Amino acid sequence: MAIYPFLTFNGNCREAMRFYQSCFGGELHFTYLGDTPGGRQFPPEIRQLVLHASLVSEHVRLFASDLGGEEGVASGNSISLWISITAPRQLKTVFQKLAKEGEVTAPLSPGVLKGQWATLTDRYAVQWIFSAGN
């Protein structure tokens, strides 16, 4: 059994997942609504919505879509993505990339490698928790 994060966006999934690829690396794949059987029945702007996106690397498996259902997408604070990184340089690099145009809620401190935490909310309102080597 495995549990993977699946993010839902309001039409900017492609942009967000490319941003995450620039932070984490990995292979990125998209399936668009227009690529599905019957996808041609939708207006062109709807066909371009991401039905499913996957970003996969050695340590990251992140999935996403533009399709949030009838109720739409609402940003909330009930879920954070936790990143545990043992290499100090990699931790700092990933933190800085995700923080770009976001909000750092608890900055990296010199002692982060002694079990301290750092947190941020990225430009897509996704909350991230960083820890060292857990």
C-alpha atoms as a PDB file:
ATOM      1  CA  MET A   1       0.000   0.000   0.000  1.00  0.00           C
ATOM      2  CA  ALA A   2       1.148   3.524  -0.725  1.00  0.00           C
ATOM      3  CA  ILE A   3      -0.369   6.982  -0.334  1.00  0.00           C
ATOM      4  CA  TYR A   4       0.585   9.739  -2.774  1.00  0.00           C
ATOM      5  CA  PRO A   5      -0.241  13.455  -2.758  1.00  0.00           C
ATOM      6  CA  PHE A   6      -2.738  14.500  -5.430  1.00  0.00           C
ATOM      7  CA  LEU A   7      -3.170  18.259  -5.909  1.00  0.00           C
ATOM      8  CA  THR A   8      -6.086  19.950  -7.641  1.00  0.00           C
ATOM      9  CA  PHE A   9      -5.746  23.312  -9.362  1.00  0.00           C
ATOM     10  CA  ASN A  10      -8.036  25.890 -10.988  1.00  0.00           C
ATOM     11  CA  GLY A  11      -6.720  25.728 -14.533  1.00  0.00           C
ATOM     12  CA  ASN A  12      -3.035  26.243 -13.724  1.00  0.00           C
ATOM     13  CA  CYS A  13      -2.010  22.619 -13.136  1.00  0.00           C
ATOM     14  CA  ARG A  14       0.447  22.563 -16.052  1.00  0.00           C
ATOM     15  CA  GLU A  15       2.200  25.704 -14.753  1.00  0.00           C
ATOM     16  CA  ALA A  16       2.297  24.430 -11.159  1.00  0.00           C
ATOM     17  CA  MET A  17       3.625  20.989 -12.067  1.00  0.00           C
ATOM     18  CA  ARG A  18       6.351  22.514 -14.249  1.00  0.00           C
ATOM     19  CA  PHE A  19       7.296  24.660 -11.270  1.00  0.00           C
ATOM     20  CA  TYR A  20       7.484  21.564  -9.037  1.00  0.00           C
ATOM     21  CA  GLN A  21       9.595  19.806 -11.668  1.00  0.00           C
ATOM     22  CA  SER A  22      12.028  22.764 -11.551  1.00  0.00           C
ATOM     23  CA  CYS A  23      12.228  22.269  -7.765  1.00  0.00           C
ATOM     24  CA  PHE A  24      12.481  18.468  -7.574  1.00  0.00           C
ATOM     25  CA  GLY A  25      13.492  17.267 -11.043  1.00  0.00           C
ATOM     26  CA  GLY A  26      11.912  14.071 -12.340  1.00  0.00           C
ATOM     27  CA  GLU A  27       9.803  13.061 -15.302  1.00  0.00           C
ATOM     28  CA  LEU A  28       6.617  15.017 -15.892  1.00  0.00           C
ATOM     29  CA  HIS A  29       3.672  13.694 -17.894  1.00  0.00           C
ATOM     30  CA  PHE A  30       0.285  15.219 -18.690  1.00  0.00           C
ATOM     31  CA  THR A  31      -3.008  13.828 -19.933  1.00  0.00           C
ATOM     32  CA  TYR A  32      -5.399  16.529 -21.107  1.00  0.00           C
ATOM     33  CA  LEU A  33      -9.171  16.381 -21.108  1.00  0.00           C
ATOM     34  CA  GLY A  34      -9.107  16.706 -24.888  1.00  0.00           C
ATOM     35  CA  ASP A  35      -6.978  13.534 -25.132  1.00  0.00           C
ATOM     36  CA  THR A  36      -9.720  11.353 -23.659  1.00  0.00           C
ATOM     37  CA  PRO A  37     -12.391   9.479 -25.614  1.00  0.00           C
ATOM     38  CA  GLY A  38     -15.072  12.067 -26.260  1.00  0.00           C
ATOM     39  CA  GLY A  39     -12.664  14.897 -25.454  1.00  0.00           C
ATOM     40  CA  ARG A  40     -13.371  16.622 -28.768  1.00  0.00           C
ATOM     41  CA  GLN A  41     -16.907  17.384 -27.601  1.00  0.00           C
ATOM     42  CA  PHE A  42     -15.575  20.039 -25.203  1.00  0.00           C
ATOM     43  CA  PRO A  43     -14.734  23.627 -26.202  1.00  0.00           C
ATOM     44  CA  PRO A  44     -11.021  24.144 -26.999  1.00  0.00           C
ATOM     45  CA  GLU A  45     -10.288  25.968 -23.717  1.00  0.00           C
ATOM     46  CA  ILE A  46     -11.746  23.046 -21.733  1.00  0.00           C
ATOM     47  CA  ARG A  47      -9.811  20.465 -23.764  1.00  0.00           C
ATOM     48  CA  GLN A  48      -6.577  22.071 -22.546  1.00  0.00           C
ATOM     49  CA  LEU A  49      -7.348  21.352 -18.877  1.00  0.00           C
ATOM     50  CA  VAL A  50      -5.117  18.758 -17.258  1.00  0.00           C
ATOM     51  CA  LEU A  51      -7.023  15.588 -16.456  1.00  0.00           C
ATOM     52  CA  HIS A  52      -4.000  13.936 -14.848  1.00  0.00           C
ATOM     53  CA  ALA A  53      -0.404  14.987 -14.284  1.00  0.00           C
ATOM     54  CA  SER A  54       2.391  12.947 -12.756  1.00  0.00           C
ATOM     55  CA  LEU A  55       5.818  14.020 -11.563  1.00  0.00           C
ATOM     56  CA  VAL A  56       7.989  11.038 -10.703  1.00  0.00           C
ATOM     57  CA  SER A  57      11.622  10.854  -9.632  1.00  0.00           C
ATOM     58  CA  GLU A  58      13.624   8.626  -7.322  1.00  0.00           C
ATOM     59  CA  HIS A  59      12.174  10.274  -4.199  1.00  0.00           C
ATOM     60  CA  VAL A  60       9.114  12.214  -5.404  1.00  0.00           C
ATOM     61  CA  ARG A  61       5.732  11.037  -6.643  1.00  0.00           C
ATOM     62  CA  LEU A  62       3.336  13.939  -7.075  1.00  0.00           C
ATOM     63  CA  PHE A  63       0.043  13.832  -8.977  1.00  0.00           C
ATOM     64  CA  ALA A  64      -2.373  16.597  -9.935  1.00  0.00           C
ATOM     65  CA  SER A  65      -5.336  17.743 -12.035  1.00  0.00           C
ATOM     66  CA  ASP A  66      -7.290  20.838 -13.060  1.00  0.00           C
ATOM     67  CA  LEU A  67     -10.599  19.052 -12.476  1.00  0.00           C
ATOM     68  CA  GLY A  68     -11.863  19.739  -8.975  1.00  0.00           C
ATOM     69  CA  GLY A  69     -15.449  18.614  -9.444  1.00  0.00           C
ATOM     70  CA  GLU A  70     -18.629  20.647  -9.279  1.00  0.00           C
ATOM     71  CA  GLU A  71     -17.715  22.306  -5.986  1.00  0.00           C
ATOM     72  CA  GLY A  72     -14.468  23.673  -7.426  1.00  0.00           C
ATOM     73  CA  VAL A  73     -11.182  24.125  -5.615  1.00  0.00           C
ATOM     74  CA  ALA A  74     -10.770  25.970  -2.331  1.00  0.00           C
ATOM     75  CA  SER A  75      -7.379  26.565  -0.727  1.00  0.00           C
ATOM     76  CA  GLY A  76      -7.224  25.401   2.835  1.00  0.00           C
ATOM     77  CA  ASN A  77      -4.824  24.650   5.597  1.00  0.00           C
ATOM     78  CA  SER A  78      -5.742  21.081   6.436  1.00  0.00           C
ATOM     79  CA  ILE A  79      -2.974  19.354   4.454  1.00  0.00           C
ATOM     80  CA  SER A  80       0.758  19.974   4.159  1.00  0.00           C
ATOM     81  CA  LEU A  81       3.362  18.074   2.188  1.00  0.00           C
ATOM     82  CA  TRP A  82       6.265  16.975   4.379  1.00  0.00           C
ATOM     83  CA  ILE A  83       9.752  16.805   2.864  1.00  0.00           C
ATOM     84  CA  SER A  84      12.508  15.011   4.733  1.00  0.00           C
ATOM     85  CA  ILE A  85      15.960  15.683   3.298  1.00  0.00           C
ATOM     86  CA  THR A  86      19.280  14.628   4.827  1.00  0.00           C
ATOM     87  CA  ALA A  87      21.638  16.682   2.643  1.00  0.00           C
ATOM     88  CA  PRO A  88      21.870  20.291   3.969  1.00  0.00           C
ATOM     89  CA  ARG A  89      22.610  21.837   0.565  1.00  0.00           C
ATOM     90  CA  GLN A  90      19.715  19.998  -1.106  1.00  0.00           C
ATOM     91  CA  LEU A  91      17.361  20.996   1.721  1.00  0.00           C
ATOM     92  CA  LYS A  92      18.279  24.666   1.335  1.00  0.00           C
ATOM     93  CA  THR A  93      18.032  24.548  -2.479  1.00  0.00           C
ATOM     94  CA  VAL A  94      14.588  22.921  -2.545  1.00  0.00           C
ATOM     95  CA  PHE A  95      13.316  25.246   0.212  1.00  0.00           C
ATOM     96  CA  GLN A  96      14.477  28.350  -1.691  1.00  0.00           C
ATOM     97  CA  LYS A  97      12.939  27.158  -4.961  1.00  0.00           C
ATOM     98  CA  LEU A  98       9.560  26.396  -3.403  1.00  0.00           C
ATOM     99  CA  ALA A  99       9.602  29.691  -1.476  1.00  0.00           C
ATOM    100  CA  LYS A 100       9.984  31.786  -4.636  1.00  0.00           C
ATOM    101  CA  GLU A 101       6.839  33.967  -4.850  1.00  0.00           C
ATOM    102  CA  GLY A 102       5.466  32.096  -1.838  1.00  0.00           C
ATOM    103  CA  GLU A 103       5.384  32.835   1.886  1.00  0.00           C
ATOM    104  CA  VAL A 104       7.937  31.473   4.332  1.00  0.00           C
ATOM    105  CA  THR A 105       6.057  30.750   7.558  1.00  0.00           C
ATOM    106  CA  ALA A 106       9.036  29.363   9.526  1.00  0.00           C
ATOM    107  CA  PRO A 107      12.431  30.028   7.920  1.00  0.00           C
ATOM    108  CA  LEU A 108      15.283  27.577   7.679  1.00  0.00           C
ATOM    109  CA  SER A 109      17.525  28.076  10.665  1.00  0.00           C
ATOM    110  CA  PRO A 110      21.163  27.125  11.068  1.00  0.00           C
ATOM    111  CA  GLY A 111      20.067  24.326  13.398  1.00  0.00           C
ATOM    112  CA  VAL A 112      17.557  22.763  10.991  1.00  0.00           C
ATOM    113  CA  LEU A 113      19.806  19.709  10.714  1.00  0.00           C
ATOM    114  CA  LYS A 114      19.393  19.103  14.449  1.00  0.00           C
ATOM    115  CA  GLY A 115      15.732  18.182  14.073  1.00  0.00           C
ATOM    116  CA  GLN A 116      14.199  21.617  13.649  1.00  0.00           C
ATOM    117  CA  TRP A 117      11.494  22.324  11.111  1.00  0.00           C
ATOM    118  CA  ALA A 118      10.924  24.936   8.449  1.00  0.00           C
ATOM    119  CA  THR A 119       7.631  25.679   6.706  1.00  0.00           C
ATOM    120  CA  LEU A 120       6.320  27.639   3.763  1.00  0.00           C
ATOM    121  CA  THR A 121       3.262  28.102   1.589  1.00  0.00           C
ATOM    122  CA  ASP A 122       4.180  28.130  -2.093  1.00  0.00           C
ATOM    123  CA  ARG A 123       2.793  30.347  -4.848  1.00  0.00           C
ATOM    124  CA  TYR A 124      -0.024  27.815  -5.453  1.00  0.00           C
ATOM    125  CA  ALA A 125      -1.172  27.863  -1.800  1.00  0.00           C
ATOM    126  CA  VAL A 126       0.327  24.426  -1.103  1.00  0.00           C
ATOM    127  CA  GLN A 127       1.833  24.129   2.360  1.00  0.00           C
ATOM    128  CA  TRP A 128       5.218  22.421   2.795  1.00  0.00           C
ATOM    129  CA  ILE A 129       6.993  21.195   5.925  1.00  0.00           C
ATOM    130  CA  PHE A 130      10.750  20.572   5.821  1.00  0.00           C
ATOM    131  CA  SER A 131      12.706  18.405   8.212  1.00  0.00           C
ATOM    132  CA  ALA A 132      16.215  17.099   8.190  1.00  0.00           C
ATOM    133  CA  GLY A 133      16.733  13.400   7.849  1.00  0.00           C
ATOM    134  CA  ASN A 134      13.670  11.922   9.534  1.00  0.00           C
END
